[in-house]
Amino acid sequence: MSIQVSLKLEKEGFLLDVDLGIPARGITALFGPSGCGKTSLLRAIAGLQPKASGVLRMGG
């Protein structure tokens, strides 16, 4: 079982375009330099980023 994420978020001077699969079990780490979109990605997955568009599928 996995979580499939496909989303786009456009901000002024910034484009976050993500297509990934995350295992539904265990721990997944998200890391990268400051300003690369880690928090924006998590906010978009949680539905807290109003300008994000895309699809979130859990377990098929």
PDB file of N, CA and C in Angstrom:
ATOM      1  N   MET A   1       0.843  -1.166   0.000  1.00  0.00           N
ATOM      2  CA  MET A   1       0.000   0.000   0.000  1.00  0.00           C
ATOM      3  C   MET A   1       0.895   1.238   0.000  1.00  0.00           C
ATOM      4  N   SER A   2       0.480   2.263  -0.746  1.00  0.00           N
ATOM      5  CA  SER A   2       1.285   3.480  -0.819  1.00  0.00           C
ATOM      6  C   SER A   2       0.380   4.708  -0.918  1.00  0.00           C
ATOM      7  N   ILE A   3       0.997   5.846  -0.772  1.00  0.00           N
ATOM      8  CA  ILE A   3       0.337   7.128  -0.934  1.00  0.00           C
ATOM      9  C   ILE A   3       0.942   7.776  -2.176  1.00  0.00           C
ATOM     10  N   GLN A   4       0.104   8.080  -3.146  1.00  0.00           N
ATOM     11  CA  GLN A   4       0.551   8.695  -4.389  1.00  0.00           C
ATOM     12  C   GLN A   4       0.205  10.178  -4.354  1.00  0.00           C
ATOM     13  N   VAL A   5       1.180  11.023  -4.623  1.00  0.00           N
ATOM     14  CA  VAL A   5       0.987  12.471  -4.591  1.00  0.00           C
ATOM     15  C   VAL A   5       1.405  13.053  -5.933  1.00  0.00           C
ATOM     16  N   SER A   6       0.524  13.815  -6.529  1.00  0.00           N
ATOM     17  CA  SER A   6       0.822  14.532  -7.760  1.00  0.00           C
ATOM     18  C   SER A   6       0.214  15.923  -7.610  1.00  0.00           C
ATOM     19  N   LEU A   7       1.055  16.948  -7.491  1.00  0.00           N
ATOM     20  CA  LEU A   7       0.514  18.291  -7.282  1.00  0.00           C
ATOM     21  C   LEU A   7       1.416  19.367  -7.850  1.00  0.00           C
ATOM     22  N   LYS A   8       0.799  20.522  -8.055  1.00  0.00           N
ATOM     23  CA  LYS A   8       1.503  21.715  -8.523  1.00  0.00           C
ATOM     24  C   LYS A   8       1.104  22.879  -7.642  1.00  0.00           C
ATOM     25  N   LEU A   9       2.094  23.689  -7.332  1.00  0.00           N
ATOM     26  CA  LEU A   9       1.863  24.893  -6.556  1.00  0.00           C
ATOM     27  C   LEU A   9       2.730  25.993  -7.153  1.00  0.00           C
ATOM     28  N   GLU A  10       2.087  27.076  -7.572  1.00  0.00           N
ATOM     29  CA  GLU A  10       2.821  28.209  -8.133  1.00  0.00           C
ATOM     30  C   GLU A  10       2.718  29.379  -7.181  1.00  0.00           C
ATOM     31  N   LYS A  11       3.875  29.897  -6.790  1.00  0.00           N
ATOM     32  CA  LYS A  11       3.957  31.118  -6.002  1.00  0.00           C
ATOM     33  C   LYS A  11       4.813  32.088  -6.800  1.00  0.00           C
ATOM     34  N   GLU A  12       4.871  33.310  -6.370  1.00  0.00           N
ATOM     35  CA  GLU A  12       5.674  34.308  -7.072  1.00  0.00           C
ATOM     36  C   GLU A  12       7.146  33.898  -7.072  1.00  0.00           C
ATOM     37  N   GLY A  13       7.682  33.611  -8.245  1.00  0.00           N
ATOM     38  CA  GLY A  13       9.085  33.217  -8.373  1.00  0.00           C
ATOM     39  C   GLY A  13       9.381  31.795  -7.933  1.00  0.00           C
ATOM     40  N   PHE A  14       8.350  30.928  -7.803  1.00  0.00           N
ATOM     41  CA  PHE A  14       8.558  29.578  -7.282  1.00  0.00           C
ATOM     42  C   PHE A  14       7.525  28.634  -7.876  1.00  0.00           C
ATOM     43  N   LEU A  15       7.954  27.487  -8.374  1.00  0.00           N
ATOM     44  CA  LEU A  15       7.046  26.461  -8.875  1.00  0.00           C
ATOM     45  C   LEU A  15       7.402  25.143  -8.205  1.00  0.00           C
ATOM     46  N   LEU A  16       6.431  24.557  -7.536  1.00  0.00           N
ATOM     47  CA  LEU A  16       6.590  23.236  -6.925  1.00  0.00           C
ATOM     48  C   LEU A  16       5.760  22.269  -7.756  1.00  0.00           C
ATOM     49  N   ASP A  17       6.413  21.324  -8.417  1.00  0.00           N
ATOM     50  CA  ASP A  17       5.758  20.342  -9.279  1.00  0.00           C
ATOM     51  C   ASP A  17       6.224  18.970  -8.811  1.00  0.00           C
ATOM     52  N   VAL A  18       5.331  18.225  -8.138  1.00  0.00           N
ATOM     53  CA  VAL A  18       5.707  16.984  -7.463  1.00  0.00           C
ATOM     54  C   VAL A  18       4.876  15.817  -7.981  1.00  0.00           C
ATOM     55  N   ASP A  19       5.540  14.691  -8.195  1.00  0.00           N
ATOM     56  CA  ASP A  19       4.875  13.436  -8.547  1.00  0.00           C
ATOM     57  C   ASP A  19       5.661  12.339  -7.848  1.00  0.00           C
ATOM     58  N   LEU A  20       5.111  11.791  -6.764  1.00  0.00           N
ATOM     59  CA  LEU A  20       5.868  10.819  -5.985  1.00  0.00           C
ATOM     60  C   LEU A  20       4.968   9.786  -5.332  1.00  0.00           C
ATOM     61  N   GLY A  21       5.576   8.689  -4.922  1.00  0.00           N
ATOM     62  CA  GLY A  21       4.905   7.631  -4.177  1.00  0.00           C
ATOM     63  C   GLY A  21       5.597   7.452  -2.839  1.00  0.00           C
ATOM     64  N   ILE A  22       4.810   7.400  -1.774  1.00  0.00           N
ATOM     65  CA  ILE A  22       5.334   7.274  -0.420  1.00  0.00           C
ATOM     66  C   ILE A  22       4.773   5.985   0.175  1.00  0.00           C
ATOM     67  N   PRO A  23       5.614   5.149   0.797  1.00  0.00           N
ATOM     68  CA  PRO A  23       5.080   3.949   1.440  1.00  0.00           C
ATOM     69  C   PRO A  23       4.113   4.329   2.564  1.00  0.00           C
ATOM     70  N   ALA A  24       3.025   3.581   2.701  1.00  0.00           N
ATOM     71  CA  ALA A  24       2.031   3.867   3.728  1.00  0.00           C
ATOM     72  C   ALA A  24       2.474   3.381   5.110  1.00  0.00           C
ATOM     73  N   ARG A  25       3.548   2.643   5.181  1.00  0.00           N
ATOM     74  CA  ARG A  25       4.066   2.138   6.461  1.00  0.00           C
ATOM     75  C   ARG A  25       5.451   2.691   6.712  1.00  0.00           C
ATOM     76  N   GLY A  26       5.835   2.734   7.967  1.00  0.00           N
ATOM     77  CA  GLY A  26       7.183   3.159   8.317  1.00  0.00           C
ATOM     78  C   GLY A  26       7.306   4.668   8.414  1.00  0.00           C
ATOM     79  N   ILE A  27       8.522   5.128   8.321  1.00  0.00           N
ATOM     80  CA  ILE A  27       8.831   6.545   8.440  1.00  0.00           C
ATOM     81  C   ILE A  27       9.452   7.024   7.130  1.00  0.00           C
ATOM     82  N   THR A  28       8.968   8.129   6.625  1.00  0.00           N
ATOM     83  CA  THR A  28       9.524   8.736   5.423  1.00  0.00           C
ATOM     84  C   THR A  28      10.089  10.096   5.797  1.00  0.00           C
ATOM     85  N   ALA A  29      11.299  10.377   5.383  1.00  0.00           N
ATOM     86  CA  ALA A  29      11.943  11.657   5.676  1.00  0.00           C
ATOM     87  C   ALA A  29      11.929  12.538   4.435  1.00  0.00           C
ATOM     88  N   LEU A  30      11.757  13.812   4.656  1.00  0.00           N
ATOM     89  CA  LEU A  30      11.777  14.807   3.598  1.00  0.00           C
ATOM     90  C   LEU A  30      12.870  15.798   3.957  1.00  0.00           C
ATOM     91  N   PHE A  31      13.893  15.896   3.107  1.00  0.00           N
ATOM     92  CA  PHE A  31      14.990  16.794   3.436  1.00  0.00           C
ATOM     93  C   PHE A  31      15.480  17.531   2.194  1.00  0.00           C
ATOM     94  N   GLY A  32      16.114  18.661   2.419  1.00  0.00           N
ATOM     95  CA  GLY A  32      16.642  19.479   1.344  1.00  0.00           C
ATOM     96  C   GLY A  32      17.035  20.834   1.889  1.00  0.00           C
ATOM     97  N   PRO A  33      17.623  21.670   1.045  1.00  0.00           N
ATOM     98  CA  PRO A  33      18.066  22.982   1.510  1.00  0.00           C
ATOM     99  C   PRO A  33      16.890  23.907   1.840  1.00  0.00           C
ATOM    100  N   SER A  34      17.182  24.933   2.587  1.00  0.00           N
ATOM    101  CA  SER A  34      16.186  25.929   2.949  1.00  0.00           C
ATOM    102  C   SER A  34      15.585  26.559   1.698  1.00  0.00           C
ATOM    103  N   GLY A  35      14.258  26.642   1.659  1.00  0.00           N
ATOM    104  CA  GLY A  35      13.584  27.277   0.532  1.00  0.00           C
ATOM    105  C   GLY A  35      13.259  26.377  -0.634  1.00  0.00           C
ATOM    106  N   CYS A  36      13.502  25.061  -0.510  1.00  0.00           N
ATOM    107  CA  CYS A  36      13.271  24.164  -1.656  1.00  0.00           C
ATOM    108  C   CYS A  36      11.831  23.667  -1.747  1.00  0.00           C
ATOM    109  N   GLY A  37      10.979  23.925  -0.725  1.00  0.00           N
ATOM    110  CA  GLY A  37       9.563  23.560  -0.812  1.00  0.00           C
ATOM    111  C   GLY A  37       9.108  22.450   0.114  1.00  0.00           C
ATOM    112  N   LYS A  38       9.907  22.069   1.097  1.00  0.00           N
ATOM    113  CA  LYS A  38       9.523  20.984   2.007  1.00  0.00           C
ATOM    114  C   LYS A  38       8.223  21.298   2.761  1.00  0.00           C
ATOM    115  N   THR A  39       8.180  22.455   3.387  1.00  0.00           N
ATOM    116  CA  THR A  39       6.992  22.843   4.146  1.00  0.00           C
ATOM    117  C   THR A  39       5.802  23.073   3.225  1.00  0.00           C
ATOM    118  N   SER A  40       6.029  23.679   2.073  1.00  0.00           N
ATOM    119  CA  SER A  40       4.942  23.898   1.110  1.00  0.00           C
ATOM    120  C   SER A  40       4.356  22.568   0.650  1.00  0.00           C
ATOM    121  N   LEU A  41       5.189  21.572   0.417  1.00  0.00           N
ATOM    122  CA  LEU A  41       4.710  20.245   0.030  1.00  0.00           C
ATOM    123  C   LEU A  41       3.842  19.633   1.126  1.00  0.00           C
ATOM    124  N   LEU A  42       4.316  19.679   2.364  1.00  0.00           N
ATOM    125  CA  LEU A  42       3.545  19.113   3.474  1.00  0.00           C
ATOM    126  C   LEU A  42       2.232  19.863   3.682  1.00  0.00           C
ATOM    127  N   ARG A  43       2.252  21.168   3.551  1.00  0.00           N
ATOM    128  CA  ARG A  43       1.023  21.962   3.677  1.00  0.00           C
ATOM    129  C   ARG A  43       0.041  21.632   2.551  1.00  0.00           C
ATOM    130  N   ALA A  44       0.543  21.420   1.343  1.00  0.00           N
ATOM    131  CA  ALA A  44      -0.323  21.075   0.215  1.00  0.00           C
ATOM    132  C   ALA A  44      -0.947  19.696   0.415  1.00  0.00           C
ATOM    133  N   ILE A  45      -0.167  18.731   0.883  1.00  0.00           N
ATOM    134  CA  ILE A  45      -0.698  17.387   1.146  1.00  0.00           C
ATOM    135  C   ILE A  45      -1.776  17.443   2.218  1.00  0.00           C
ATOM    136  N   ALA A  46      -1.581  18.291   3.228  1.00  0.00           N
ATOM    137  CA  ALA A  46      -2.549  18.421   4.321  1.00  0.00           C
ATOM    138  C   ALA A  46      -3.779  19.238   3.937  1.00  0.00           C
ATOM    139  N   GLY A  47      -3.754  19.863   2.749  1.00  0.00           N
ATOM    140  CA  GLY A  47      -4.886  20.670   2.313  1.00  0.00           C
ATOM    141  C   GLY A  47      -4.863  22.088   2.858  1.00  0.00           C
ATOM    142  N   LEU A  48      -3.728  22.537   3.338  1.00  0.00           N
ATOM    143  CA  LEU A  48      -3.604  23.862   3.935  1.00  0.00           C
ATOM    144  C   LEU A  48      -3.024  24.907   2.986  1.00  0.00           C
ATOM    145  N   GLN A  49      -2.709  24.496   1.777  1.00  0.00           N
ATOM    146  CA  GLN A  49      -2.123  25.397   0.781  1.00  0.00           C
ATOM    147  C   GLN A  49      -3.199  25.667  -0.263  1.00  0.00           C
ATOM    148  N   PRO A  50      -3.907  26.805  -0.181  1.00  0.00           N
ATOM    149  CA  PRO A  50      -5.090  27.025  -1.023  1.00  0.00           C
ATOM    150  C   PRO A  50      -4.824  27.076  -2.525  1.00  0.00           C
ATOM    151  N   LYS A  51      -3.646  27.443  -2.971  1.00  0.00           N
ATOM    152  CA  LYS A  51      -3.389  27.566  -4.417  1.00  0.00           C
ATOM    153  C   LYS A  51      -2.832  26.287  -5.036  1.00  0.00           C
ATOM    154  N   ALA A  52      -2.672  25.242  -4.249  1.00  0.00           N
ATOM    155  CA  ALA A  52      -2.154  23.977  -4.777  1.00  0.00           C
ATOM    156  C   ALA A  52      -3.252  23.211  -5.502  1.00  0.00           C
ATOM    157  N   SER A  53      -2.881  22.541  -6.577  1.00  0.00           N
ATOM    158  CA  SER A  53      -3.837  21.696  -7.300  1.00  0.00           C
ATOM    159  C   SER A  53      -3.166  20.345  -7.561  1.00  0.00           C
ATOM    160  N   GLY A  54      -3.967  19.296  -7.539  1.00  0.00           N
ATOM    161  CA  GLY A  54      -3.417  17.979  -7.813  1.00  0.00           C
ATOM    162  C   GLY A  54      -4.275  16.868  -7.259  1.00  0.00           C
ATOM    163  N   VAL A  55      -3.628  15.690  -7.097  1.00  0.00           N
ATOM    164  CA  VAL A  55      -4.320  14.480  -6.667  1.00  0.00           C
ATOM    165  C   VAL A  55      -3.534  13.813  -5.550  1.00  0.00           C
ATOM    166  N   LEU A  56      -4.244  13.315  -4.560  1.00  0.00           N
ATOM    167  CA  LEU A  56      -3.661  12.527  -3.478  1.00  0.00           C
ATOM    168  C   LEU A  56      -4.447  11.215  -3.411  1.00  0.00           C
ATOM    169  N   ARG A  57      -3.751  10.103  -3.640  1.00  0.00           N
ATOM    170  CA  ARG A  57      -4.398   8.768  -3.606  1.00  0.00           C
ATOM    171  C   ARG A  57      -3.777   7.934  -2.510  1.00  0.00           C
ATOM    172  N   MET A  58      -4.625   7.323  -1.711  1.00  0.00           N
ATOM    173  CA  MET A  58      -4.148   6.457  -0.636  1.00  0.00           C
ATOM    174  C   MET A  58      -4.659   5.045  -0.847  1.00  0.00           C
ATOM    175  N   GLY A  59      -3.748   4.096  -0.941  1.00  0.00           N
ATOM    176  CA  GLY A  59      -4.116   2.700  -1.044  1.00  0.00           C
ATOM    177  C   GLY A  59      -4.815   2.317  -2.342  1.00  0.00           C
ATOM    178  N   GLY A  60      -4.580   3.044  -3.416  1.00  0.00           N
ATOM    179  CA  GLY A  60      -5.162   2.692  -4.698  1.00  0.00           C
ATOM    180  C   GLY A  60      -6.356   3.519  -5.010  1.00  0.00           C
TER     181      GLY A  60
END
